[in-house]
Structures are given as C-alpha cells and as structure tokens.
C-alpha cells in the first residue's frame, strides 16, 4: 500500500529582489528602520524590521510582502528569517512603510495597498524621496486603509511620531528628537564627544585654579604661623 506524502511548504527568507534601487531609497529605508528600532529600543515587545518577508497566511508561501520597514506591536524582539504571522500569535504588522524609487509604478503600489489593507495593517505610509511627497493611510471604521487628506503635521496613532515635509521628510519622535541618518548620528556623536572633552577640560582648569588658590591660602597661613600669628585668630 503506497503512502501519499505531502510536500513540505517552504517559506523563503528572500524574494530575490534587491533591498533598494538607488542610494537615496536605501538611505531612507535604513533611516526609517533604524529610527523606529531606536524609538522602541526599551520595549521588548515591539518588533521592528526592514525588508523582511511577511507571510500572513499559513500554507500559502506565495502570499507575501516585504515592507521597507514594519513595526509589530506585541511581538518580541529577536532574529527572524521571515515574519510568519501564524507563528507570531496571528499578529500582523500594524505599521508599514514603503520608500519609492523611480522603478515603482502605480499598479504595483495599488497591489501593495490592497495587500496591506487585506491583511490587517493599521497604518501605511509611502514616502517618495525624489519628489519629497508622503502619502499616509489609516484604517477607518469600515476596515479600509483610507488616505489621509493631509500628512504634513500628522501624528501616527501607533508610533506617536510626527511627520513634517520640508526640503525632505522629517520624522519627529516624541520628546523632540528626529530620525537621523547614520552619518548624521556619527556627526552628532562626534560633536557630543568634542563638547564632552571641552567640558572635561574646563572642569580640570577649574579644579586646577581651585587647587592653586587653596595652595596660596595655605602658604599664607604658614607664613603667619611662622611669624607667631595664629591665622585662625586673625
């Protein structure tokens, strides 16, 4: 009697597509993913990823997407080869970002919007760094990802960040800090190190001045005692 074996379902860790098409798109993907990761670094139950394959339906490996950045609240941090939703307690990423390149076209983006709407995303943001435009979609009471009429100044309900469009996108985190590129962070760190070194030097100079003044006072007290005068009685 022959047995029928069911082929194993394979959920690939890569779709074979490049992470980005150009350096500008790549910079923004890294900036958004890194900024989000830093924003929730103290919360062990917020998972942030960039360009990670998300499989929302078990047994259907062709149903998948790889958002440029995504945030899943209620899921622990840690390594994943892919985000398989049924393994993640059925929790879909609540917030996703896409960063456009000139190779992205309207039909492709409509399919992505439909995918995210169908599979439970609550907030979806699309940034075009070439034209400095940002589109935002938030799930409405009817269950649709409805487009925001104005995104400049919008505060994400889930993330708490505020979006501003100036010469380029500015993402303001709660507390006033903004999302920075790696180079901006390095320059900021260098400036902070220089300032810290300057403060240490100033503090050392003040300590040296205080020590010198104390030495002068002690020398004067010694001279008074040598002359038979009690400095404490003067």
Protein backbone atom coordinates (compact mmCIF):
# COMPACT_ATOMS: atom_id res chain seq x y z
CA UNK A 1 0.00 0.00 0.00
CA UNK A 2 1.54 3.26 -1.10
CA UNK A 3 1.55 6.32 1.11
CA UNK A 4 0.99 9.82 -0.11
CA UNK A 5 3.44 12.36 1.28
CA UNK A 6 2.54 15.99 1.43
CA UNK A 7 5.36 18.20 0.16
CA UNK A 8 6.83 20.48 2.78
CA UNK A 9 5.77 24.10 2.46
CA UNK A 10 8.85 26.31 2.13
CA UNK A 11 8.75 29.91 3.28
CA UNK A 12 11.74 31.59 1.69
CA UNK A 13 13.80 34.14 3.61
CA UNK A 14 14.46 36.11 0.43
CA UNK A 15 12.40 37.01 -2.59
CA UNK A 16 15.49 37.58 -4.72
CA UNK A 17 14.70 41.27 -5.10
CA UNK A 18 17.22 43.98 -4.12
CA UNK A 19 16.55 45.92 -0.95
CA UNK A 20 16.67 49.19 -2.88
CA UNK A 21 17.15 50.55 -6.39
CA UNK A 22 19.39 53.50 -5.57
CA UNK A 23 21.35 55.11 -2.75
CA UNK A 24 18.63 57.63 -1.87
CA UNK A 25 16.00 54.96 -1.42
CA UNK A 26 18.42 52.82 0.58
CA UNK A 27 19.33 55.74 2.87
CA UNK A 28 15.69 56.34 3.70
CA UNK A 29 14.90 52.67 4.29
CA UNK A 30 17.80 52.44 6.74
CA UNK A 31 16.88 55.76 8.38
CA UNK A 32 13.25 54.76 8.93
CA UNK A 33 14.03 51.25 10.14
CA UNK A 34 16.85 52.45 12.39
CA UNK A 35 14.80 55.34 13.77
CA UNK A 36 11.88 53.06 14.57
CA UNK A 37 14.17 50.48 16.17
CA UNK A 38 15.75 53.18 18.33
CA UNK A 39 12.35 54.63 19.23
CA UNK A 40 11.18 51.32 20.70
CA UNK A 41 14.55 50.01 21.90
CA UNK A 42 13.39 49.91 25.53
CA UNK A 43 10.21 47.95 24.79
CA UNK A 44 10.92 44.20 24.47
CA UNK A 45 7.52 43.61 22.88
CA UNK A 46 7.85 45.80 19.81
CA UNK A 47 9.45 44.12 16.80
CA UNK A 48 10.89 46.34 14.06
CA UNK A 49 12.27 45.08 10.75
CA UNK A 50 13.31 46.30 7.33
CA UNK A 51 12.82 44.45 4.04
CA UNK A 52 11.72 41.29 5.86
CA UNK A 53 9.38 38.88 4.11
CA UNK A 54 5.99 38.76 5.80
CA UNK A 55 3.80 35.70 5.24
CA UNK A 56 0.28 36.39 6.53
CA UNK A 57 -1.34 33.04 5.62
CA UNK A 58 -0.08 29.63 6.66
CA UNK A 59 0.28 27.20 3.78
CA UNK A 60 0.37 29.97 1.14
CA UNK A 61 4.02 30.94 0.66
CA UNK A 62 3.23 32.92 -2.47
CA UNK A 63 1.11 35.32 -0.42
CA UNK A 64 3.81 37.58 0.93
CA UNK A 65 5.21 41.09 1.05
CA UNK A 66 8.46 42.69 2.17
CA UNK A 67 7.73 46.19 3.51
CA UNK A 68 10.70 48.52 3.51
CA UNK A 69 10.06 48.99 7.25
CA UNK A 70 7.47 47.46 9.52
CA UNK A 71 6.51 47.55 13.19
CA UNK A 72 4.70 44.77 15.04
CA UNK A 73 3.43 45.67 18.50
CA UNK A 74 3.00 42.78 20.88
CA UNK A 75 5.81 40.69 19.37
CA UNK A 76 9.21 40.16 20.99
CA UNK A 77 12.43 41.45 19.52
CA UNK A 78 14.85 38.94 18.06
CA UNK A 79 16.14 37.26 14.92
CA UNK A 80 13.73 36.10 12.24
CA UNK A 81 14.37 34.81 8.74
CA UNK A 82 10.84 35.89 7.87
CA UNK A 83 7.73 37.07 9.67
CA UNK A 84 5.24 34.20 9.61
CA UNK A 85 2.08 35.60 11.10
CA UNK A 86 0.62 32.35 12.44
CA UNK A 87 3.87 31.85 14.42
CA UNK A 88 3.58 35.42 15.73
CA UNK A 89 0.31 34.88 17.54
CA UNK A 90 -1.66 35.91 14.47
CA UNK A 91 -0.45 39.49 14.87
CA UNK A 92 0.02 41.42 11.64
CA UNK A 93 2.50 44.30 11.50
CA UNK A 94 0.39 47.28 12.49
CA UNK A 95 2.52 49.90 10.72
CA UNK A 96 4.40 49.58 7.43
CA UNK A 97 6.46 51.96 5.31
CA UNK A 98 7.38 51.90 1.65
CA UNK A 99 10.08 54.13 0.15
CA UNK A 100 9.57 54.74 -3.55
CA UNK A 101 12.16 54.60 -6.29
CA UNK A 102 11.67 55.67 -9.92
CA UNK A 103 11.05 51.99 -10.75
CA UNK A 104 7.90 51.81 -8.65
CA UNK A 105 4.71 52.27 -10.66
CA UNK A 106 1.10 52.95 -9.77
CA UNK A 107 -0.25 49.40 -10.45
CA UNK A 108 2.43 47.90 -8.18
CA UNK A 109 1.63 50.35 -5.39
CA UNK A 110 -2.11 49.68 -5.71
CA UNK A 111 -1.39 45.97 -5.21
CA UNK A 112 0.69 46.71 -2.13
CA UNK A 113 -2.05 48.92 -0.71
CA UNK A 114 -4.60 46.15 -1.29
CA UNK A 115 -2.32 43.57 0.33
CA UNK A 116 -1.76 45.66 3.44
CA UNK A 117 -5.45 46.51 3.68
CA UNK A 118 -6.46 42.86 3.32
CA UNK A 119 -4.01 41.52 5.88
CA UNK A 120 -4.55 43.84 8.82
CA UNK A 121 -2.15 46.75 8.60
CA UNK A 122 -3.45 49.72 10.59
CA UNK A 123 -1.18 52.44 9.20
CA UNK A 124 0.62 52.57 5.86
CA UNK A 125 2.99 55.32 4.75
CA UNK A 126 4.57 55.81 1.33
CA UNK A 127 7.48 58.22 1.01
CA UNK A 128 8.84 59.43 -2.33
CA UNK A 129 12.28 60.91 -1.58
CA UNK A 130 12.80 62.11 -5.15
CA UNK A 131 9.72 64.34 -5.09
CA UNK A 132 9.54 64.75 -1.28
CA UNK A 133 5.94 63.58 -1.00
CA UNK A 134 4.40 61.43 1.69
CA UNK A 135 1.11 59.57 1.46
CA UNK A 136 -0.48 58.15 4.57
CA UNK A 137 -3.27 55.64 5.02
CA UNK A 138 -5.01 54.79 8.30
CA UNK A 139 -7.56 52.05 8.81
CA UNK A 140 -11.04 53.53 9.18
CA UNK A 141 -14.18 52.22 10.84
CA UNK A 142 -15.15 50.43 7.65
CA UNK A 143 -11.91 48.46 7.78
CA UNK A 144 -10.30 50.23 4.84
CA UNK A 145 -6.93 51.94 4.70
CA UNK A 146 -8.23 55.39 3.92
CA UNK A 147 -5.88 58.07 2.63
CA UNK A 148 -5.14 60.98 4.93
CA UNK A 149 -6.06 64.34 3.35
CA UNK A 150 -3.02 65.98 4.96
CA UNK A 151 0.10 64.12 6.10
CA UNK A 152 2.34 67.12 6.83
CA UNK A 153 1.99 67.50 10.60
CA UNK A 154 0.18 64.17 11.02
CA UNK A 155 0.94 62.23 14.22
CA UNK A 156 0.93 58.45 13.86
CA UNK A 157 -1.63 56.95 16.27
CA UNK A 158 0.51 53.85 16.82
CA UNK A 159 4.03 55.26 16.67
CA UNK A 160 3.50 58.67 18.20
CA UNK A 161 5.85 60.24 15.64
CA UNK A 162 5.01 63.42 13.76
CA UNK A 163 5.74 63.81 10.05
CA UNK A 164 6.95 67.07 8.56
CA UNK A 165 7.69 67.81 4.93
CA UNK A 166 10.41 70.41 4.40
CA UNK A 167 13.34 70.01 1.99
CA UNK A 168 12.89 66.33 2.77
CA UNK A 169 10.85 64.23 5.17
CA UNK A 170 11.46 64.93 8.85
CA UNK A 171 10.22 62.38 11.39
CA UNK A 172 9.87 63.83 14.88
CA UNK A 173 9.93 61.32 17.70
CA UNK A 174 8.13 62.03 20.97
CA UNK A 175 10.39 64.20 23.08
CA UNK A 176 11.63 66.30 20.18
CA UNK A 177 14.35 64.16 18.64
CA UNK A 178 14.25 63.44 14.91
CA UNK A 179 15.15 60.35 12.90
CA UNK A 180 18.72 60.77 11.65
CA UNK A 181 20.85 59.03 9.04
CA UNK A 182 23.85 57.01 10.18
CA UNK A 183 26.19 59.82 9.10
CA UNK A 184 24.13 62.41 10.96
CA UNK A 185 24.23 60.24 14.06
CA UNK A 186 28.01 59.86 13.70
CA UNK A 187 28.45 63.62 13.29
CA UNK A 188 26.19 64.25 16.28
CA UNK A 189 28.17 61.74 18.32
CA UNK A 190 31.44 63.40 17.27
CA UNK A 191 30.07 66.81 18.29
CA UNK A 192 28.91 65.40 21.63
CA UNK A 193 32.33 63.87 22.23
CA UNK A 194 34.04 67.18 21.42
CA UNK A 195 31.67 69.01 23.76
CA UNK A 196 32.23 66.42 26.50
CA UNK A 197 36.01 66.78 26.08
CA UNK A 198 35.66 70.58 26.26
CA UNK A 199 33.61 70.29 29.45
CA UNK A 200 36.20 67.95 30.98
CA UNK A 201 38.97 70.41 30.12
CA UNK A 202 37.01 73.31 31.64
CA UNK A 203 36.33 71.28 34.78
CA UNK A 204 40.01 70.36 35.04
CA UNK A 205 41.01 74.01 34.68
CA UNK A 206 38.56 74.99 37.41
CA UNK A 207 39.92 72.26 39.69
CA UNK A 208 43.46 73.45 38.98
CA UNK A 209 42.50 77.05 39.76
CA UNK A 210 40.84 75.98 43.00
CA UNK A 211 43.87 73.91 43.99
CA UNK A 212 46.23 76.82 43.24
CA UNK A 213 44.08 79.23 45.28
CA UNK A 214 43.96 76.77 48.16
CA UNK A 215 47.76 76.38 47.99
CA UNK A 216 48.20 80.16 48.16
CA UNK A 217 45.94 80.38 51.21
CA UNK A 218 47.80 77.57 52.92
CA UNK A 219 51.15 79.25 52.16
CA UNK A 220 49.87 82.49 53.69
CA UNK A 221 48.66 80.64 56.77
CA UNK A 222 52.09 79.01 57.12
CA UNK A 223 53.84 82.39 56.92
CA UNK A 224 51.53 83.79 59.62
CA UNK A 225 52.23 80.84 61.88
CA UNK A 226 55.99 81.28 61.28
CA UNK A 227 55.62 84.90 62.40
CA UNK A 228 53.92 83.74 65.60
CA UNK A 229 50.41 84.67 64.44
CA UNK A 230 47.52 82.26 64.69
CA UNK A 231 45.77 82.54 61.29
CA UNK A 232 42.51 81.26 62.77
CA UNK A 233 42.53 84.13 65.29
CA UNK A 234 43.04 86.85 62.70
